[in-house]
Amino acid sequence: MHTFFGPLNENACAYFLFISMFFFVILVLTLFSELMWCIRNFKKISISNFTRGVLLLFNILIGYFINRLLYSMCTKAL
């Protein structure tokens, strides 16, 4: 029973580190992609397109922040 439900070791914290790295890379790529789209389509920018881009970046930023926070909590707890 302890094997399946007992506490994990410090190596389990690496999961949150890798996920936060993944979200950071996706955040940078998305930011670059949105900036390039805005530069190319400067005259076609509307509120809906701008809002879509901001919400997309915000969601990715929240994912990065949550996983970074969980990694910090995991390393401090163990």
PDB file of N, CA and C in Angstrom:
ATOM      1  N   MET A   1       0.822  -1.182   0.000  1.00  0.00           N
ATOM      2  CA  MET A   1       0.000   0.000   0.000  1.00  0.00           C
ATOM      3  C   MET A   1       0.878   1.263   0.000  1.00  0.00           C
ATOM      4  N   HIS A   2       1.949   1.225   0.757  1.00  0.00           N
ATOM      5  CA  HIS A   2       2.847   2.382   0.837  1.00  0.00           C
ATOM      6  C   HIS A   2       3.535   2.655  -0.512  1.00  0.00           C
ATOM      7  N   THR A   3       3.731   1.603  -1.291  1.00  0.00           N
ATOM      8  CA  THR A   3       4.368   1.772  -2.605  1.00  0.00           C
ATOM      9  C   THR A   3       3.517   2.620  -3.538  1.00  0.00           C
ATOM     10  N   PHE A   4       2.212   2.421  -3.498  1.00  0.00           N
ATOM     11  CA  PHE A   4       1.329   3.124  -4.416  1.00  0.00           C
ATOM     12  C   PHE A   4       0.871   4.489  -3.908  1.00  0.00           C
ATOM     13  N   PHE A   5       0.816   4.678  -2.586  1.00  0.00           N
ATOM     14  CA  PHE A   5       0.257   5.903  -2.038  1.00  0.00           C
ATOM     15  C   PHE A   5       1.212   6.673  -1.138  1.00  0.00           C
ATOM     16  N   GLY A   6       2.435   6.221  -1.002  1.00  0.00           N
ATOM     17  CA  GLY A   6       3.406   6.888  -0.146  1.00  0.00           C
ATOM     18  C   GLY A   6       4.003   8.115  -0.818  1.00  0.00           C
ATOM     19  N   PRO A   7       4.790   8.868  -0.087  1.00  0.00           N
ATOM     20  CA  PRO A   7       5.404  10.079  -0.660  1.00  0.00           C
ATOM     21  C   PRO A   7       6.449   9.732  -1.725  1.00  0.00           C
ATOM     22  N   LEU A   8       6.608  10.635  -2.660  1.00  0.00           N
ATOM     23  CA  LEU A   8       7.581  10.458  -3.733  1.00  0.00           C
ATOM     24  C   LEU A   8       8.913  11.081  -3.324  1.00  0.00           C
ATOM     25  N   ASN A   9       9.962  10.747  -4.053  1.00  0.00           N
ATOM     26  CA  ASN A   9      11.269  11.338  -3.765  1.00  0.00           C
ATOM     27  C   ASN A   9      11.474  12.605  -4.592  1.00  0.00           C
ATOM     28  N   GLU A  10      12.657  13.206  -4.460  1.00  0.00           N
ATOM     29  CA  GLU A  10      12.937  14.477  -5.143  1.00  0.00           C
ATOM     30  C   GLU A  10      12.918  14.366  -6.663  1.00  0.00           C
ATOM     31  N   ASN A  11      13.148  13.188  -7.204  1.00  0.00           N
ATOM     32  CA  ASN A  11      13.156  13.024  -8.662  1.00  0.00           C
ATOM     33  C   ASN A  11      11.787  13.302  -9.281  1.00  0.00           C
ATOM     34  N   ALA A  12      10.741  13.161  -8.496  1.00  0.00           N
ATOM     35  CA  ALA A  12       9.398  13.444  -9.011  1.00  0.00           C
ATOM     36  C   ALA A  12       9.211  14.926  -9.285  1.00  0.00           C
ATOM     37  N   CYS A  13       9.995  15.791  -8.666  1.00  0.00           N
ATOM     38  CA  CYS A  13       9.901  17.239  -8.893  1.00  0.00           C
ATOM     39  C   CYS A  13      10.369  17.612 -10.300  1.00  0.00           C
ATOM     40  N   ALA A  14      11.163  16.752 -10.904  1.00  0.00           N
ATOM     41  CA  ALA A  14      11.667  17.036 -12.255  1.00  0.00           C
ATOM     42  C   ALA A  14      10.522  17.153 -13.260  1.00  0.00           C
ATOM     43  N   TYR A  15       9.419  16.470 -12.995  1.00  0.00           N
ATOM     44  CA  TYR A  15       8.250  16.564 -13.873  1.00  0.00           C
ATOM     45  C   TYR A  15       7.803  18.017 -14.021  1.00  0.00           C
ATOM     46  N   PHE A  16       7.684  18.723 -12.896  1.00  0.00           N
ATOM     47  CA  PHE A  16       7.244  20.112 -12.940  1.00  0.00           C
ATOM     48  C   PHE A  16       8.286  21.004 -13.606  1.00  0.00           C
ATOM     49  N   LEU A  17       9.552  20.678 -13.440  1.00  0.00           N
ATOM     50  CA  LEU A  17      10.613  21.444 -14.088  1.00  0.00           C
ATOM     51  C   LEU A  17      10.522  21.307 -15.608  1.00  0.00           C
ATOM     52  N   PHE A  18      10.354  20.090 -16.093  1.00  0.00           N
ATOM     53  CA  PHE A  18      10.268  19.870 -17.539  1.00  0.00           C
ATOM     54  C   PHE A  18       9.013  20.504 -18.135  1.00  0.00           C
ATOM     55  N   ILE A  19       7.909  20.399 -17.428  1.00  0.00           N
ATOM     56  CA  ILE A  19       6.667  21.010 -17.926  1.00  0.00           C
ATOM     57  C   ILE A  19       6.781  22.529 -17.955  1.00  0.00           C
ATOM     58  N   SER A  20       7.410  23.123 -16.944  1.00  0.00           N
ATOM     59  CA  SER A  20       7.569  24.578 -16.959  1.00  0.00           C
ATOM     60  C   SER A  20       8.517  25.007 -18.070  1.00  0.00           C
ATOM     61  N   MET A  21       9.564  24.215 -18.345  1.00  0.00           N
ATOM     62  CA  MET A  21      10.450  24.515 -19.484  1.00  0.00           C
ATOM     63  C   MET A  21       9.678  24.441 -20.796  1.00  0.00           C
ATOM     64  N   PHE A  22       8.831  23.430 -20.933  1.00  0.00           N
ATOM     65  CA  PHE A  22       8.020  23.273 -22.134  1.00  0.00           C
ATOM     66  C   PHE A  22       7.106  24.479 -22.330  1.00  0.00           C
ATOM     67  N   PHE A  23       6.417  24.889 -21.269  1.00  0.00           N
ATOM     68  CA  PHE A  23       5.529  26.049 -21.369  1.00  0.00           C
ATOM     69  C   PHE A  23       6.305  27.329 -21.688  1.00  0.00           C
ATOM     70  N   PHE A  24       7.513  27.466 -21.159  1.00  0.00           N
ATOM     71  CA  PHE A  24       8.304  28.657 -21.448  1.00  0.00           C
ATOM     72  C   PHE A  24       8.691  28.711 -22.930  1.00  0.00           C
ATOM     73  N   VAL A  25       9.100  27.569 -23.481  1.00  0.00           N
ATOM     74  CA  VAL A  25       9.442  27.517 -24.911  1.00  0.00           C
ATOM     75  C   VAL A  25       8.220  27.835 -25.755  1.00  0.00           C
ATOM     76  N   ILE A  26       7.082  27.254 -25.400  1.00  0.00           N
ATOM     77  CA  ILE A  26       5.841  27.530 -26.136  1.00  0.00           C
ATOM     78  C   ILE A  26       5.467  29.003 -26.003  1.00  0.00           C
ATOM     79  N   LEU A  27       5.669  29.592 -24.822  1.00  0.00           N
ATOM     80  CA  LEU A  27       5.381  31.014 -24.620  1.00  0.00           C
ATOM     81  C   LEU A  27       6.239  31.887 -25.526  1.00  0.00           C
ATOM     82  N   VAL A  28       7.519  31.612 -25.607  1.00  0.00           N
ATOM     83  CA  VAL A  28       8.419  32.404 -26.453  1.00  0.00           C
ATOM     84  C   VAL A  28       8.048  32.237 -27.927  1.00  0.00           C
ATOM     85  N   LEU A  29       7.787  31.009 -28.351  1.00  0.00           N
ATOM     86  CA  LEU A  29       7.410  30.778 -29.750  1.00  0.00           C
ATOM     87  C   LEU A  29       6.087  31.451 -30.097  1.00  0.00           C
ATOM     88  N   THR A  30       5.130  31.395 -29.196  1.00  0.00           N
ATOM     89  CA  THR A  30       3.836  32.035 -29.439  1.00  0.00           C
ATOM     90  C   THR A  30       3.973  33.547 -29.477  1.00  0.00           C
ATOM     91  N   LEU A  31       4.753  34.100 -28.572  1.00  0.00           N
ATOM     92  CA  LEU A  31       4.980  35.545 -28.564  1.00  0.00           C
ATOM     93  C   LEU A  31       5.634  35.990 -29.869  1.00  0.00           C
ATOM     94  N   PHE A  32       6.641  35.263 -30.312  1.00  0.00           N
ATOM     95  CA  PHE A  32       7.300  35.577 -31.579  1.00  0.00           C
ATOM     96  C   PHE A  32       6.329  35.455 -32.749  1.00  0.00           C
ATOM     97  N   SER A  33       5.522  34.414 -32.745  1.00  0.00           N
ATOM     98  CA  SER A  33       4.549  34.200 -33.815  1.00  0.00           C
ATOM     99  C   SER A  33       3.517  35.316 -33.862  1.00  0.00           C
ATOM    100  N   GLU A  34       3.012  35.717 -32.700  1.00  0.00           N
ATOM    101  CA  GLU A  34       2.018  36.796 -32.649  1.00  0.00           C
ATOM    102  C   GLU A  34       2.624  38.130 -33.087  1.00  0.00           C
ATOM    103  N   LEU A  35       3.854  38.392 -32.690  1.00  0.00           N
ATOM    104  CA  LEU A  35       4.504  39.640 -33.121  1.00  0.00           C
ATOM    105  C   LEU A  35       4.727  39.660 -34.625  1.00  0.00           C
ATOM    106  N   MET A  36       5.148  38.548 -35.184  1.00  0.00           N
ATOM    107  CA  MET A  36       5.348  38.484 -36.636  1.00  0.00           C
ATOM    108  C   MET A  36       4.022  38.648 -37.370  1.00  0.00           C
ATOM    109  N   TRP A  37       2.938  38.063 -36.843  1.00  0.00           N
ATOM    110  CA  TRP A  37       1.638  38.215 -37.471  1.00  0.00           C
ATOM    111  C   TRP A  37       1.194  39.675 -37.428  1.00  0.00           C
ATOM    112  N   CYS A  38       1.426  40.346 -36.297  1.00  0.00           N
ATOM    113  CA  CYS A  38       1.045  41.757 -36.177  1.00  0.00           C
ATOM    114  C   CYS A  38       1.853  42.643 -37.127  1.00  0.00           C
ATOM    115  N   ILE A  39       3.112  42.336 -37.297  1.00  0.00           N
ATOM    116  CA  ILE A  39       3.950  43.119 -38.209  1.00  0.00           C
ATOM    117  C   ILE A  39       3.488  42.931 -39.649  1.00  0.00           C
ATOM    118  N   ARG A  40       3.201  41.692 -40.030  1.00  0.00           N
ATOM    119  CA  ARG A  40       2.773  41.419 -41.406  1.00  0.00           C
ATOM    120  C   ARG A  40       1.376  41.946 -41.716  1.00  0.00           C
ATOM    121  N   ASN A  41       0.497  41.907 -40.737  1.00  0.00           N
ATOM    122  CA  ASN A  41      -0.907  42.277 -40.959  1.00  0.00           C
ATOM    123  C   ASN A  41      -1.284  43.509 -40.148  1.00  0.00           C
ATOM    124  N   PHE A  42      -0.416  44.487 -40.111  1.00  0.00           N
ATOM    125  CA  PHE A  42      -0.637  45.661 -39.270  1.00  0.00           C
ATOM    126  C   PHE A  42      -1.932  46.384 -39.612  1.00  0.00           C
ATOM    127  N   LYS A  43      -2.270  46.475 -40.887  1.00  0.00           N
ATOM    128  CA  LYS A  43      -3.471  47.201 -41.294  1.00  0.00           C
ATOM    129  C   LYS A  43      -4.743  46.388 -41.073  1.00  0.00           C
ATOM    130  N   LYS A  44      -4.626  45.078 -40.896  1.00  0.00           N
ATOM    131  CA  LYS A  44      -5.797  44.217 -40.723  1.00  0.00           C
ATOM    132  C   LYS A  44      -6.095  43.908 -39.262  1.00  0.00           C
ATOM    133  N   ILE A  45      -5.342  44.459 -38.339  1.00  0.00           N
ATOM    134  CA  ILE A  45      -5.527  44.132 -36.929  1.00  0.00           C
ATOM    135  C   ILE A  45      -6.878  44.662 -36.443  1.00  0.00           C
ATOM    136  N   SER A  46      -7.628  43.773 -35.833  1.00  0.00           N
ATOM    137  CA  SER A  46      -8.905  44.160 -35.234  1.00  0.00           C
ATOM    138  C   SER A  46      -8.880  43.791 -33.757  1.00  0.00           C
ATOM    139  N   ILE A  47      -9.882  44.229 -33.045  1.00  0.00           N
ATOM    140  CA  ILE A  47      -9.963  43.942 -31.615  1.00  0.00           C
ATOM    141  C   ILE A  47     -10.054  42.433 -31.364  1.00  0.00           C
ATOM    142  N   SER A  48     -10.796  41.725 -32.188  1.00  0.00           N
ATOM    143  CA  SER A  48     -10.961  40.280 -31.976  1.00  0.00           C
ATOM    144  C   SER A  48      -9.634  39.547 -32.191  1.00  0.00           C
ATOM    145  N   ASN A  49      -8.861  39.943 -33.202  1.00  0.00           N
ATOM    146  CA  ASN A  49      -7.568  39.311 -33.429  1.00  0.00           C
ATOM    147  C   ASN A  49      -6.600  39.621 -32.291  1.00  0.00           C
ATOM    148  N   PHE A  50      -6.609  40.854 -31.830  1.00  0.00           N
ATOM    149  CA  PHE A  50      -5.739  41.251 -30.737  1.00  0.00           C
ATOM    150  C   PHE A  50      -6.116  40.525 -29.448  1.00  0.00           C
ATOM    151  N   THR A  51      -7.413  40.440 -29.184  1.00  0.00           N
ATOM    152  CA  THR A  51      -7.903  39.768 -27.981  1.00  0.00           C
ATOM    153  C   THR A  51      -7.545  38.286 -28.009  1.00  0.00           C
ATOM    154  N   ARG A  52      -7.683  37.660 -29.162  1.00  0.00           N
ATOM    155  CA  ARG A  52      -7.335  36.246 -29.302  1.00  0.00           C
ATOM    156  C   ARG A  52      -5.881  36.020 -28.953  1.00  0.00           C
ATOM    157  N   GLY A  53      -5.002  36.861 -29.476  1.00  0.00           N
ATOM    158  CA  GLY A  53      -3.576  36.722 -29.207  1.00  0.00           C
ATOM    159  C   GLY A  53      -3.225  36.952 -27.751  1.00  0.00           C
ATOM    160  N   VAL A  54      -3.845  37.948 -27.141  1.00  0.00           N
ATOM    161  CA  VAL A  54      -3.571  38.239 -25.729  1.00  0.00           C
ATOM    162  C   VAL A  54      -4.065  37.097 -24.845  1.00  0.00           C
ATOM    163  N   LEU A  55      -5.241  36.578 -25.120  1.00  0.00           N
ATOM    164  CA  LEU A  55      -5.763  35.468 -24.326  1.00  0.00           C
ATOM    165  C   LEU A  55      -4.917  34.212 -24.490  1.00  0.00           C
ATOM    166  N   LEU A  56      -4.451  33.953 -25.692  1.00  0.00           N
ATOM    167  CA  LEU A  56      -3.581  32.806 -25.922  1.00  0.00           C
ATOM    168  C   LEU A  56      -2.290  32.936 -25.117  1.00  0.00           C
ATOM    169  N   LEU A  57      -1.664  34.097 -25.175  1.00  0.00           N
ATOM    170  CA  LEU A  57      -0.433  34.318 -24.416  1.00  0.00           C
ATOM    171  C   LEU A  57      -0.689  34.245 -22.916  1.00  0.00           C
ATOM    172  N   PHE A  58      -1.812  34.770 -22.469  1.00  0.00           N
ATOM    173  CA  PHE A  58      -2.141  34.739 -21.052  1.00  0.00           C
ATOM    174  C   PHE A  58      -2.315  33.304 -20.556  1.00  0.00           C
ATOM    175  N   ASN A  59      -2.995  32.469 -21.323  1.00  0.00           N
ATOM    176  CA  ASN A  59      -3.180  31.066 -20.939  1.00  0.00           C
ATOM    177  C   ASN A  59      -1.853  30.331 -20.844  1.00  0.00           C
ATOM    178  N   ILE A  60      -0.973  30.556 -21.789  1.00  0.00           N
ATOM    179  CA  ILE A  60       0.328  29.893 -21.765  1.00  0.00           C
ATOM    180  C   ILE A  60       1.162  30.405 -20.599  1.00  0.00           C
ATOM    181  N   LEU A  61       1.081  31.706 -20.330  1.00  0.00           N
ATOM    182  CA  LEU A  61       1.809  32.282 -19.205  1.00  0.00           C
ATOM    183  C   LEU A  61       1.314  31.701 -17.877  1.00  0.00           C
ATOM    184  N   ILE A  62       0.022  31.522 -17.739  1.00  0.00           N
ATOM    185  CA  ILE A  62      -0.532  30.924 -16.524  1.00  0.00           C
ATOM    186  C   ILE A  62      -0.048  29.481 -16.371  1.00  0.00           C
ATOM    187  N   GLY A  63      -0.028  28.718 -17.458  1.00  0.00           N
ATOM    188  CA  GLY A  63       0.480  27.350 -17.404  1.00  0.00           C
ATOM    189  C   GLY A  63       1.935  27.301 -16.976  1.00  0.00           C
ATOM    190  N   TYR A  64       2.744  28.205 -17.502  1.00  0.00           N
ATOM    191  CA  TYR A  64       4.155  28.282 -17.114  1.00  0.00           C
ATOM    192  C   TYR A  64       4.297  28.636 -15.642  1.00  0.00           C
ATOM    193  N   PHE A  65       3.548  29.639 -15.196  1.00  0.00           N
ATOM    194  CA  PHE A  65       3.654  30.095 -13.822  1.00  0.00           C
ATOM    195  C   PHE A  65       3.221  29.013 -12.831  1.00  0.00           C
ATOM    196  N   ILE A  66       2.121  28.328 -13.114  1.00  0.00           N
ATOM    197  CA  ILE A  66       1.622  27.291 -12.212  1.00  0.00           C
ATOM    198  C   ILE A  66       2.628  26.160 -12.086  1.00  0.00           C
ATOM    199  N   ASN A  67       3.201  25.719 -13.197  1.00  0.00           N
ATOM    200  CA  ASN A  67       4.166  24.629 -13.119  1.00  0.00           C
ATOM    201  C   ASN A  67       5.458  25.064 -12.456  1.00  0.00           C
ATOM    202  N   ARG A  68       5.861  26.304 -12.648  1.00  0.00           N
ATOM    203  CA  ARG A  68       7.047  26.807 -11.957  1.00  0.00           C
ATOM    204  C   ARG A  68       6.784  26.890 -10.453  1.00  0.00           C
ATOM    205  N   LEU A  69       5.598  27.325 -10.087  1.00  0.00           N
ATOM    206  CA  LEU A  69       5.217  27.393  -8.682  1.00  0.00           C
ATOM    207  C   LEU A  69       5.179  25.997  -8.059  1.00  0.00           C
ATOM    208  N   LEU A  70       4.603  25.042  -8.753  1.00  0.00           N
ATOM    209  CA  LEU A  70       4.548  23.670  -8.242  1.00  0.00           C
ATOM    210  C   LEU A  70       5.946  23.071  -8.117  1.00  0.00           C
ATOM    211  N   TYR A  71       6.836  23.380  -9.047  1.00  0.00           N
ATOM    212  CA  TYR A  71       8.217  22.901  -8.940  1.00  0.00           C
ATOM    213  C   TYR A  71       8.897  23.486  -7.705  1.00  0.00           C
ATOM    214  N   SER A  72       8.698  24.773  -7.477  1.00  0.00           N
ATOM    215  CA  SER A  72       9.282  25.412  -6.294  1.00  0.00           C
ATOM    216  C   SER A  72       8.734  24.798  -5.007  1.00  0.00           C
ATOM    217  N   MET A  73       7.438  24.573  -4.964  1.00  0.00           N
ATOM    218  CA  MET A  73       6.833  23.973  -3.786  1.00  0.00           C
ATOM    219  C   MET A  73       7.336  22.548  -3.567  1.00  0.00           C
ATOM    220  N   CYS A  74       7.498  21.815  -4.647  1.00  0.00           N
ATOM    221  CA  CYS A  74       7.951  20.426  -4.545  1.00  0.00           C
ATOM    222  C   CYS A  74       9.380  20.363  -4.017  1.00  0.00           C
ATOM    223  N   THR A  75      10.261  21.192  -4.546  1.00  0.00           N
ATOM    224  CA  THR A  75      11.664  21.163  -4.105  1.00  0.00           C
ATOM    225  C   THR A  75      11.805  21.645  -2.666  1.00  0.00           C
ATOM    226  N   LYS A  76      11.017  22.625  -2.254  1.00  0.00           N
ATOM    227  CA  LYS A  76      11.106  23.142  -0.872  1.00  0.00           C
ATOM    228  C   LYS A  76      10.504  22.144   0.117  1.00  0.00           C
ATOM    229  N   ALA A  77       9.509  21.391  -0.308  1.00  0.00           N
ATOM    230  CA  ALA A  77       8.859  20.435   0.594  1.00  0.00           C
ATOM    231  C   ALA A  77       9.737  19.213   0.856  1.00  0.00           C
ATOM    232  N   LEU A  78      10.560  18.862  -0.101  1.00  0.00           N
ATOM    233  CA  LEU A  78      11.400  17.673   0.078  1.00  0.00           C
ATOM    234  C   LEU A  78      12.749  18.121   0.486  1.00  0.00           C
TER     235      LEU A  78
END
